[in-house]
């Protein structure tokens, strides 16, 4: 009878451990999915501000059509992207195109002083910060998840539940290079 109780207690403890690890993996996976959704929200927010920015810039930069076209095309690519990798890539292209507009604004003092332009520039800057934070939050969640499935005893349960690693968001190779500063 004592052996039966011992076996029953061990079985109950194992079931509790299985439930704990399953719920842990599900919770961490949901947190990763949520952080991806937050990135998506910020990228969409940025894309939604672009038409307003373009409209405030158009009057000042009539001969700078190529930059306006580049921003418009980057926005379209972002809105058309279906998976997070494509959205991040398109978001990076849009960010680069927006930098061109802000650099050009330096040549147009009236535009630089325009209240709408300044407000949009501030909003886009705030969104860039949120995108950066959201990417960091996503990667932090990936780190927690990966640690859970690579460390003992989580590694055992991850293999039982067929849990696999998830990819980190990485910056583009072009953004890794150190900018060259020349004080001539």
Foldseek 3Di string as FASTA:
>chain_A
DVVVVVVVVVVVVVVVVLVVLVVVLVVLVVQLVVLLVQLLVLLVVLLVLLVLLCVLCCVVCVVPVVLNVQLVVLSVQLVPDDDSLSNVVSSVSNVVSVVVSVVVVVVPVVSVPDPSNVVSVVVNVVSVVSSVVSLVSSQVSLVVSVCQCPDPPSVVSCVVVVPDRDDRDDDDPVVPDDDDDDDD
